[in-house]
Amino acid sequence: PVIGVPVKGMLDGMDAMLSIIQMPPGIPVATVGVNA
C-alpha cells in the first residue's frame, strides 16, 4: 500500500493533489490532504 502526501507548492498543493488522486485503474494510491 502506498499513501500519497501532496506537498503544497505553486498552486497551494492542488496541482500535487490532483496528480496523486488521478491514478489509473489497478494502480491505487491512498491520498491524504495537502501537507497532511
Full PDB file with SEQRES, HELIX, SHEET, SSBOND, CRYST1, ORIGX, SCALE, CONECT and MASTER records, all heavy atoms in Angstrom:
SEQRES   1 A   36  PRO VAL ILE GLY VAL PRO VAL LYS GLY MET LEU ASP GLY          
SEQRES   2 A   36  MET ASP ALA MET LEU SER ILE ILE GLN MET PRO PRO GLY          
SEQRES   3 A   36  ILE PRO VAL ALA THR VAL GLY VAL ASN ALA                      
HELIX    1 AA1 MET A   14  ILE A   21  1                                   8    
SHEET    1 AA1 2 ILE A   3  GLY A   4  0                                        
SHEET    2 AA1 2 ALA A  30  THR A  31  1                                        
CRYST1    1.000    1.000    1.000  90.00  90.00  90.00 P 1           1          
ORIGX1      1.000000  0.000000  0.000000        0.00000                         
ORIGX2      0.000000  1.000000  0.000000        0.00000                         
ORIGX3      0.000000  0.000000  1.000000        0.00000                         
SCALE1      1.000000  0.000000  0.000000        0.00000                         
SCALE2      0.000000  1.000000  0.000000        0.00000                         
SCALE3      0.000000  0.000000  1.000000        0.00000                         
ATOM      1  N   PRO A   1       0.835  -1.201   0.000  1.00  0.00           N  
ATOM      2  CA  PRO A   1       0.000   0.000   0.000  1.00  0.00           C  
ATOM      3  C   PRO A   1       0.873   1.256   0.000  1.00  0.00           C  
ATOM      4  O   PRO A   1       1.885   1.316   0.702  1.00  0.00           O  
ATOM      5  CB  PRO A   1      -0.814  -0.108   1.295  1.00  0.00           C  
ATOM      6  CG  PRO A   1      -0.203  -1.184   2.108  1.00  0.00           C  
ATOM      7  CD  PRO A   1       0.690  -1.991   1.219  1.00  0.00           C  
ATOM      8  N   VAL A   2       0.456   2.219  -0.815  1.00  0.00           N  
ATOM      9  CA  VAL A   2       1.165   3.490  -0.940  1.00  0.00           C  
ATOM     10  C   VAL A   2       0.193   4.604  -0.551  1.00  0.00           C  
ATOM     11  O   VAL A   2      -0.935   4.655  -1.046  1.00  0.00           O  
ATOM     12  CB  VAL A   2       1.685   3.720  -2.375  1.00  0.00           C  
ATOM     13  CG1 VAL A   2       2.342   5.093  -2.509  1.00  0.00           C  
ATOM     14  CG2 VAL A   2       2.653   2.611  -2.778  1.00  0.00           C  
ATOM     15  N   ILE A   3       0.657   5.470   0.339  1.00  0.00           N  
ATOM     16  CA  ILE A   3      -0.130   6.630   0.759  1.00  0.00           C  
ATOM     17  C   ILE A   3       0.572   7.866   0.223  1.00  0.00           C  
ATOM     18  O   ILE A   3       1.738   8.111   0.539  1.00  0.00           O  
ATOM     19  CB  ILE A   3      -0.245   6.703   2.297  1.00  0.00           C  
ATOM     20  CG1 ILE A   3      -0.848   5.411   2.856  1.00  0.00           C  
ATOM     21  CG2 ILE A   3      -1.060   7.932   2.711  1.00  0.00           C  
ATOM     22  CD1 ILE A   3      -0.744   5.275   4.365  1.00  0.00           C  
ATOM     23  N   GLY A   4      -0.138   8.638  -0.587  1.00  0.00           N  
ATOM     24  CA  GLY A   4       0.434   9.844  -1.161  1.00  0.00           C  
ATOM     25  C   GLY A   4       0.145  11.066  -0.304  1.00  0.00           C  
ATOM     26  O   GLY A   4      -0.974  11.238   0.179  1.00  0.00           O  
ATOM     27  N   VAL A   5       1.161  11.894  -0.124  1.00  0.00           N  
ATOM     28  CA  VAL A   5       1.010  13.161   0.577  1.00  0.00           C  
ATOM     29  C   VAL A   5       1.315  14.272  -0.421  1.00  0.00           C  
ATOM     30  O   VAL A   5       2.469  14.477  -0.796  1.00  0.00           O  
ATOM     31  CB  VAL A   5       1.969  13.282   1.788  1.00  0.00           C  
ATOM     32  CG1 VAL A   5       1.803  14.640   2.471  1.00  0.00           C  
ATOM     33  CG2 VAL A   5       1.755  12.152   2.771  1.00  0.00           C  
ATOM     34  N   PRO A   6       0.282  14.987  -0.884  1.00  0.00           N  
ATOM     35  CA  PRO A   6       0.553  16.116  -1.772  1.00  0.00           C  
ATOM     36  C   PRO A   6       1.212  17.248  -0.974  1.00  0.00           C  
ATOM     37  O   PRO A   6       0.770  17.565   0.126  1.00  0.00           O  
ATOM     38  CB  PRO A   6      -0.824  16.542  -2.278  1.00  0.00           C  
ATOM     39  CG  PRO A   6      -1.827  15.709  -1.564  1.00  0.00           C  
ATOM     40  CD  PRO A   6      -1.130  14.769  -0.650  1.00  0.00           C  
ATOM     41  N   VAL A   7       2.271  17.808  -1.531  1.00  0.00           N  
ATOM     42  CA  VAL A   7       3.001  18.875  -0.861  1.00  0.00           C  
ATOM     43  C   VAL A   7       2.612  20.211  -1.481  1.00  0.00           C  
ATOM     44  O   VAL A   7       2.580  20.364  -2.703  1.00  0.00           O  
ATOM     45  CB  VAL A   7       4.524  18.647  -0.964  1.00  0.00           C  
ATOM     46  CG1 VAL A   7       5.301  19.811  -0.358  1.00  0.00           C  
ATOM     47  CG2 VAL A   7       4.899  17.335  -0.267  1.00  0.00           C  
ATOM     48  N   LYS A   8       2.308  21.150  -0.600  1.00  0.00           N  
ATOM     49  CA  LYS A   8       1.904  22.483  -1.035  1.00  0.00           C  
ATOM     50  C   LYS A   8       3.014  23.121  -1.850  1.00  0.00           C  
ATOM     51  O   LYS A   8       4.162  23.154  -1.438  1.00  0.00           O  
ATOM     52  CB  LYS A   8       1.578  23.347   0.182  1.00  0.00           C  
ATOM     53  CG  LYS A   8       0.947  24.668  -0.141  1.00  0.00           C  
ATOM     54  CD  LYS A   8       0.516  25.362   1.136  1.00  0.00           C  
ATOM     55  CE  LYS A   8      -0.301  26.590   0.822  1.00  0.00           C  
ATOM     56  NZ  LYS A   8      -0.854  27.180   2.039  1.00  0.00           N  
ATOM     57  N   GLY A   9       2.636  23.604  -3.012  1.00  0.00           N  
ATOM     58  CA  GLY A   9       3.615  24.229  -3.892  1.00  0.00           C  
ATOM     59  C   GLY A   9       3.004  25.407  -4.615  1.00  0.00           C  
ATOM     60  O   GLY A   9       2.334  26.243  -4.016  1.00  0.00           O  
ATOM     61  N   MET A  10       3.170  25.414  -5.907  1.00  0.00           N  
ATOM     62  CA  MET A  10       2.776  26.557  -6.722  1.00  0.00           C  
ATOM     63  C   MET A  10       1.277  26.858  -6.673  1.00  0.00           C  
ATOM     64  O   MET A  10       0.889  28.003  -6.641  1.00  0.00           O  
ATOM     65  CB  MET A  10       3.220  26.334  -8.167  1.00  0.00           C  
ATOM     66  CG  MET A  10       4.733  26.252  -8.305  1.00  0.00           C  
ATOM     67  SD  MET A  10       5.257  25.840  -9.973  1.00  0.00           S  
ATOM     68  CE  MET A  10       4.717  27.296 -10.846  1.00  0.00           C  
ATOM     69  N   LEU A  11       0.451  25.868  -6.663  1.00  0.00           N  
ATOM     70  CA  LEU A  11      -0.998  26.067  -6.676  1.00  0.00           C  
ATOM     71  C   LEU A  11      -1.617  25.630  -5.354  1.00  0.00           C  
ATOM     72  O   LEU A  11      -2.667  24.996  -5.324  1.00  0.00           O  
ATOM     73  CB  LEU A  11      -1.627  25.312  -7.852  1.00  0.00           C  
ATOM     74  CG  LEU A  11      -1.124  25.717  -9.242  1.00  0.00           C  
ATOM     75  CD1 LEU A  11      -1.716  24.820 -10.314  1.00  0.00           C  
ATOM     76  CD2 LEU A  11      -1.461  27.182  -9.534  1.00  0.00           C  
ATOM     77  N   ASP A  12      -0.976  25.970  -4.257  1.00  0.00           N  
ATOM     78  CA  ASP A  12      -1.411  25.607  -2.903  1.00  0.00           C  
ATOM     79  C   ASP A  12      -1.581  24.102  -2.720  1.00  0.00           C  
ATOM     80  O   ASP A  12      -2.360  23.654  -1.886  1.00  0.00           O  
ATOM     81  CB  ASP A  12      -2.709  26.333  -2.522  1.00  0.00           C  
ATOM     82  CG  ASP A  12      -2.471  27.788  -2.184  1.00  0.00           C  
ATOM     83  OD1 ASP A  12      -1.338  28.125  -1.788  1.00  0.00           O  
ATOM     84  OD2 ASP A  12      -3.417  28.584  -2.298  1.00  0.00           O  
ATOM     85  N   GLY A  13      -0.871  23.324  -3.501  1.00  0.00           N  
ATOM     86  CA  GLY A  13      -0.915  21.880  -3.369  1.00  0.00           C  
ATOM     87  C   GLY A  13      -1.992  21.196  -4.193  1.00  0.00           C  
ATOM     88  O   GLY A  13      -2.022  19.972  -4.274  1.00  0.00           O  
ATOM     89  N   MET A  14      -2.864  21.987  -4.804  1.00  0.00           N  
ATOM     90  CA  MET A  14      -3.923  21.381  -5.623  1.00  0.00           C  
ATOM     91  C   MET A  14      -3.341  20.635  -6.816  1.00  0.00           C  
ATOM     92  O   MET A  14      -3.850  19.575  -7.191  1.00  0.00           O  
ATOM     93  CB  MET A  14      -4.908  22.452  -6.101  1.00  0.00           C  
ATOM     94  CG  MET A  14      -5.789  23.002  -5.000  1.00  0.00           C  
ATOM     95  SD  MET A  14      -6.873  21.745  -4.284  1.00  0.00           S  
ATOM     96  CE  MET A  14      -7.945  21.407  -5.662  1.00  0.00           C  
ATOM     97  N   ASP A  15      -2.273  21.172  -7.408  1.00  0.00           N  
ATOM     98  CA  ASP A  15      -1.641  20.504  -8.543  1.00  0.00           C  
ATOM     99  C   ASP A  15      -1.114  19.129  -8.122  1.00  0.00           C  
ATOM    100  O   ASP A  15      -1.335  18.132  -8.805  1.00  0.00           O  
ATOM    101  CB  ASP A  15      -0.531  21.365  -9.138  1.00  0.00           C  
ATOM    102  CG  ASP A  15       0.440  21.935  -8.100  1.00  0.00           C  
ATOM    103  OD1 ASP A  15       0.116  21.957  -6.896  1.00  0.00           O  
ATOM    104  OD2 ASP A  15       1.528  22.383  -8.500  1.00  0.00           O  
ATOM    105  N   ALA A  16      -0.466  19.087  -6.973  1.00  0.00           N  
ATOM    106  CA  ALA A  16       0.066  17.816  -6.476  1.00  0.00           C  
ATOM    107  C   ALA A  16      -1.064  16.859  -6.118  1.00  0.00           C  
ATOM    108  O   ALA A  16      -1.014  15.670  -6.444  1.00  0.00           O  
ATOM    109  CB  ALA A  16       0.964  18.060  -5.262  1.00  0.00           C  
ATOM    110  N   MET A  17      -2.089  17.376  -5.436  1.00  0.00           N  
ATOM    111  CA  MET A  17      -3.195  16.512  -5.025  1.00  0.00           C  
ATOM    112  C   MET A  17      -3.879  15.888  -6.246  1.00  0.00           C  
ATOM    113  O   MET A  17      -4.132  14.683  -6.277  1.00  0.00           O  
ATOM    114  CB  MET A  17      -4.218  17.276  -4.202  1.00  0.00           C  
ATOM    115  CG  MET A  17      -5.339  16.379  -3.690  1.00  0.00           C  
ATOM    116  SD  MET A  17      -6.648  17.263  -2.859  1.00  0.00           S  
ATOM    117  CE  MET A  17      -7.321  18.229  -4.179  1.00  0.00           C  
ATOM    118  N   LEU A  18      -4.145  16.695  -7.252  1.00  0.00           N  
ATOM    119  CA  LEU A  18      -4.805  16.167  -8.440  1.00  0.00           C  
ATOM    120  C   LEU A  18      -3.941  15.136  -9.155  1.00  0.00           C  
ATOM    121  O   LEU A  18      -4.453  14.138  -9.670  1.00  0.00           O  
ATOM    122  CB  LEU A  18      -5.194  17.305  -9.383  1.00  0.00           C  
ATOM    123  CG  LEU A  18      -6.304  18.221  -8.853  1.00  0.00           C  
ATOM    124  CD1 LEU A  18      -6.473  19.430  -9.761  1.00  0.00           C  
ATOM    125  CD2 LEU A  18      -7.608  17.475  -8.696  1.00  0.00           C  
ATOM    126  N   SER A  19      -2.636  15.348  -9.165  1.00  0.00           N  
ATOM    127  CA  SER A  19      -1.740  14.375  -9.789  1.00  0.00           C  
ATOM    128  C   SER A  19      -1.774  13.041  -9.058  1.00  0.00           C  
ATOM    129  O   SER A  19      -1.709  11.983  -9.672  1.00  0.00           O  
ATOM    130  CB  SER A  19      -0.304  14.907  -9.800  1.00  0.00           C  
ATOM    131  OG  SER A  19      -0.195  16.011 -10.647  1.00  0.00           O  
ATOM    132  N   ILE A  20      -1.872  13.100  -7.729  1.00  0.00           N  
ATOM    133  CA  ILE A  20      -1.825  11.865  -6.940  1.00  0.00           C  
ATOM    134  C   ILE A  20      -3.161  11.122  -6.965  1.00  0.00           C  
ATOM    135  O   ILE A  20      -3.194   9.895  -7.041  1.00  0.00           O  
ATOM    136  CB  ILE A  20      -1.379  12.160  -5.487  1.00  0.00           C  
ATOM    137  CG1 ILE A  20       0.052  12.715  -5.484  1.00  0.00           C  
ATOM    138  CG2 ILE A  20      -1.460  10.904  -4.629  1.00  0.00           C  
ATOM    139  CD1 ILE A  20       0.510  13.236  -4.126  1.00  0.00           C  
ATOM    140  N   ILE A  21      -4.278  11.837  -6.928  1.00  0.00           N  
ATOM    141  CA  ILE A  21      -5.563  11.136  -6.841  1.00  0.00           C  
ATOM    142  C   ILE A  21      -6.059  10.599  -8.176  1.00  0.00           C  
ATOM    143  O   ILE A  21      -6.941   9.760  -8.202  1.00  0.00           O  
ATOM    144  CB  ILE A  21      -6.669  12.011  -6.197  1.00  0.00           C  
ATOM    145  CG1 ILE A  21      -6.986  13.235  -7.037  1.00  0.00           C  
ATOM    146  CG2 ILE A  21      -6.293  12.386  -4.785  1.00  0.00           C  
ATOM    147  CD1 ILE A  21      -8.180  14.035  -6.528  1.00  0.00           C  
ATOM    148  N   GLN A  22      -5.475  11.047  -9.271  1.00  0.00           N  
ATOM    149  CA  GLN A  22      -5.949  10.611 -10.587  1.00  0.00           C  
ATOM    150  C   GLN A  22      -5.126   9.450 -11.127  1.00  0.00           C  
ATOM    151  O   GLN A  22      -4.566   9.506 -12.216  1.00  0.00           O  
ATOM    152  CB  GLN A  22      -5.904  11.788 -11.567  1.00  0.00           C  
ATOM    153  CG  GLN A  22      -6.849  12.900 -11.160  1.00  0.00           C  
ATOM    154  CD  GLN A  22      -6.926  13.988 -12.186  1.00  0.00           C  
ATOM    155  OE1 GLN A  22      -7.840  13.990 -13.010  1.00  0.00           O  
ATOM    156  NE2 GLN A  22      -5.975  14.895 -12.158  1.00  0.00           N  
ATOM    157  N   MET A  23      -5.097   8.367 -10.368  1.00  0.00           N  
ATOM    158  CA  MET A  23      -4.346   7.184 -10.775  1.00  0.00           C  
ATOM    159  C   MET A  23      -5.213   6.302 -11.674  1.00  0.00           C  
ATOM    160  O   MET A  23      -6.428   6.232 -11.499  1.00  0.00           O  
ATOM    161  CB  MET A  23      -3.894   6.405  -9.544  1.00  0.00           C  
ATOM    162  CG  MET A  23      -2.913   7.172  -8.664  1.00  0.00           C  
ATOM    163  SD  MET A  23      -1.421   7.689  -9.539  1.00  0.00           S  
ATOM    164  CE  MET A  23      -0.789   6.109 -10.056  1.00  0.00           C  
ATOM    165  N   PRO A  24      -4.584   5.616 -12.614  1.00  0.00           N  
ATOM    166  CA  PRO A  24      -5.356   4.743 -13.495  1.00  0.00           C  
ATOM    167  C   PRO A  24      -5.823   3.488 -12.752  1.00  0.00           C  
ATOM    168  O   PRO A  24      -5.252   3.119 -11.713  1.00  0.00           O  
ATOM    169  CB  PRO A  24      -4.352   4.379 -14.597  1.00  0.00           C  
ATOM    170  CG  PRO A  24      -3.013   4.541 -13.964  1.00  0.00           C  
ATOM    171  CD  PRO A  24      -3.157   5.648 -12.951  1.00  0.00           C  
ATOM    172  N   PRO A  25      -6.848   2.822 -13.259  1.00  0.00           N  
ATOM    173  CA  PRO A  25      -7.331   1.591 -12.629  1.00  0.00           C  
ATOM    174  C   PRO A  25      -6.192   0.588 -12.444  1.00  0.00           C  
ATOM    175  O   PRO A  25      -5.350   0.418 -13.323  1.00  0.00           O  
ATOM    176  CB  PRO A  25      -8.362   1.053 -13.628  1.00  0.00           C  
ATOM    177  CG  PRO A  25      -8.804   2.262 -14.389  1.00  0.00           C  
ATOM    178  CD  PRO A  25      -7.608   3.161 -14.467  1.00  0.00           C  
ATOM    179  N   GLY A  26      -6.154  -0.023 -11.278  1.00  0.00           N  
ATOM    180  CA  GLY A  26      -5.146  -1.032 -10.983  1.00  0.00           C  
ATOM    181  C   GLY A  26      -3.922  -0.501 -10.261  1.00  0.00           C  
ATOM    182  O   GLY A  26      -3.105  -1.292  -9.787  1.00  0.00           O  
ATOM    183  N   ILE A  27      -3.779   0.807 -10.170  1.00  0.00           N  
ATOM    184  CA  ILE A  27      -2.620   1.413  -9.504  1.00  0.00           C  
ATOM    185  C   ILE A  27      -3.137   2.374  -8.430  1.00  0.00           C  
ATOM    186  O   ILE A  27      -3.081   3.599  -8.580  1.00  0.00           O  
ATOM    187  CB  ILE A  27      -1.710   2.173 -10.505  1.00  0.00           C  
ATOM    188  CG1 ILE A  27      -1.414   1.354 -11.751  1.00  0.00           C  
ATOM    189  CG2 ILE A  27      -0.418   2.622  -9.809  1.00  0.00           C  
ATOM    190  CD1 ILE A  27      -0.612   0.088 -11.489  1.00  0.00           C  
ATOM    191  N   PRO A  28      -3.687   1.848  -7.338  1.00  0.00           N  
ATOM    192  CA  PRO A  28      -4.245   2.733  -6.313  1.00  0.00           C  
ATOM    193  C   PRO A  28      -3.168   3.422  -5.479  1.00  0.00           C  
ATOM    194  O   PRO A  28      -2.119   2.847  -5.204  1.00  0.00           O  
ATOM    195  CB  PRO A  28      -5.067   1.785  -5.439  1.00  0.00           C  
ATOM    196  CG  PRO A  28      -4.351   0.477  -5.556  1.00  0.00           C  
ATOM    197  CD  PRO A  28      -3.825   0.433  -6.976  1.00  0.00           C  
ATOM    198  N   VAL A  29      -3.455   4.658  -5.121  1.00  0.00           N  
ATOM    199  CA  VAL A  29      -2.650   5.401  -4.153  1.00  0.00           C  
ATOM    200  C   VAL A  29      -3.643   6.062  -3.197  1.00  0.00           C  
ATOM    201  O   VAL A  29      -4.457   6.884  -3.621  1.00  0.00           O  
ATOM    202  CB  VAL A  29      -1.767   6.481  -4.827  1.00  0.00           C  
ATOM    203  CG1 VAL A  29      -1.051   7.320  -3.762  1.00  0.00           C  
ATOM    204  CG2 VAL A  29      -0.747   5.846  -5.765  1.00  0.00           C  
ATOM    205  N   ALA A  30      -3.595   5.675  -1.929  1.00  0.00           N  
ATOM    206  CA  ALA A  30      -4.409   6.363  -0.931  1.00  0.00           C  
ATOM    207  C   ALA A  30      -3.835   7.772  -0.809  1.00  0.00           C  
ATOM    208  O   ALA A  30      -2.620   7.948  -0.840  1.00  0.00           O  
ATOM    209  CB  ALA A  30      -4.347   5.639   0.406  1.00  0.00           C  
ATOM    210  N   THR A  31      -4.695   8.757  -0.692  1.00  0.00           N  
ATOM    211  CA  THR A  31      -4.214  10.136  -0.662  1.00  0.00           C  
ATOM    212  C   THR A  31      -4.813  10.873   0.521  1.00  0.00           C  
ATOM    213  O   THR A  31      -6.010  10.782   0.768  1.00  0.00           O  
ATOM    214  CB  THR A  31      -4.576  10.872  -1.976  1.00  0.00           C  
ATOM    215  OG1 THR A  31      -4.149  10.065  -3.080  1.00  0.00           O  
ATOM    216  CG2 THR A  31      -3.909  12.220  -2.047  1.00  0.00           C  
ATOM    217  N   VAL A  32      -3.961  11.592   1.237  1.00  0.00           N  
ATOM    218  CA  VAL A  32      -4.404  12.424   2.350  1.00  0.00           C  
ATOM    219  C   VAL A  32      -4.386  13.882   1.890  1.00  0.00           C  
ATOM    220  O   VAL A  32      -4.002  14.182   0.761  1.00  0.00           O  
ATOM    221  CB  VAL A  32      -3.519  12.207   3.592  1.00  0.00           C  
ATOM    222  CG1 VAL A  32      -3.668  10.775   4.110  1.00  0.00           C  
ATOM    223  CG2 VAL A  32      -2.068  12.533   3.318  1.00  0.00           C  
ATOM    224  N   GLY A  33      -4.779  14.771   2.763  1.00  0.00           N  
ATOM    225  CA  GLY A  33      -4.821  16.186   2.417  1.00  0.00           C  
ATOM    226  C   GLY A  33      -3.441  16.773   2.165  1.00  0.00           C  
ATOM    227  O   GLY A  33      -2.414  16.181   2.484  1.00  0.00           O  
ATOM    228  N   VAL A  34      -3.442  17.968   1.612  1.00  0.00           N  
ATOM    229  CA  VAL A  34      -2.211  18.675   1.303  1.00  0.00           C  
ATOM    230  C   VAL A  34      -1.408  18.885   2.595  1.00  0.00           C  
ATOM    231  O   VAL A  34      -1.937  19.367   3.598  1.00  0.00           O  
ATOM    232  CB  VAL A  34      -2.515  20.029   0.619  1.00  0.00           C  
ATOM    233  CG1 VAL A  34      -1.241  20.843   0.418  1.00  0.00           C  
ATOM    234  CG2 VAL A  34      -3.233  19.806  -0.713  1.00  0.00           C  
ATOM    235  N   ASN A  35      -0.144  18.483   2.561  1.00  0.00           N  
ATOM    236  CA  ASN A  35       0.794  18.594   3.683  1.00  0.00           C  
ATOM    237  C   ASN A  35       0.375  17.777   4.913  1.00  0.00           C  
ATOM    238  O   ASN A  35       0.902  17.985   5.997  1.00  0.00           O  
ATOM    239  CB  ASN A  35       1.013  20.053   4.101  1.00  0.00           C  
ATOM    240  CG  ASN A  35       1.889  20.819   3.134  1.00  0.00           C  
ATOM    241  OD1 ASN A  35       2.315  20.297   2.116  1.00  0.00           O  
ATOM    242  ND2 ASN A  35       2.161  22.059   3.448  1.00  0.00           N  
ATOM    243  N   ALA A  36      -0.562  16.850   4.755  1.00  0.00           N  
ATOM    244  CA  ALA A  36      -1.119  16.110   5.892  1.00  0.00           C  
ATOM    245  C   ALA A  36      -0.349  14.824   6.175  1.00  0.00           C  
ATOM    246  O   ALA A  36      -0.915  13.731   6.211  1.00  0.00           O  
ATOM    247  CB  ALA A  36      -2.594  15.824   5.659  1.00  0.00           C  
TER     248      ALA A  36                                                      
MASTER        0    0    0    1    2    0    0    6  247    1    0    3          
END                                                                             
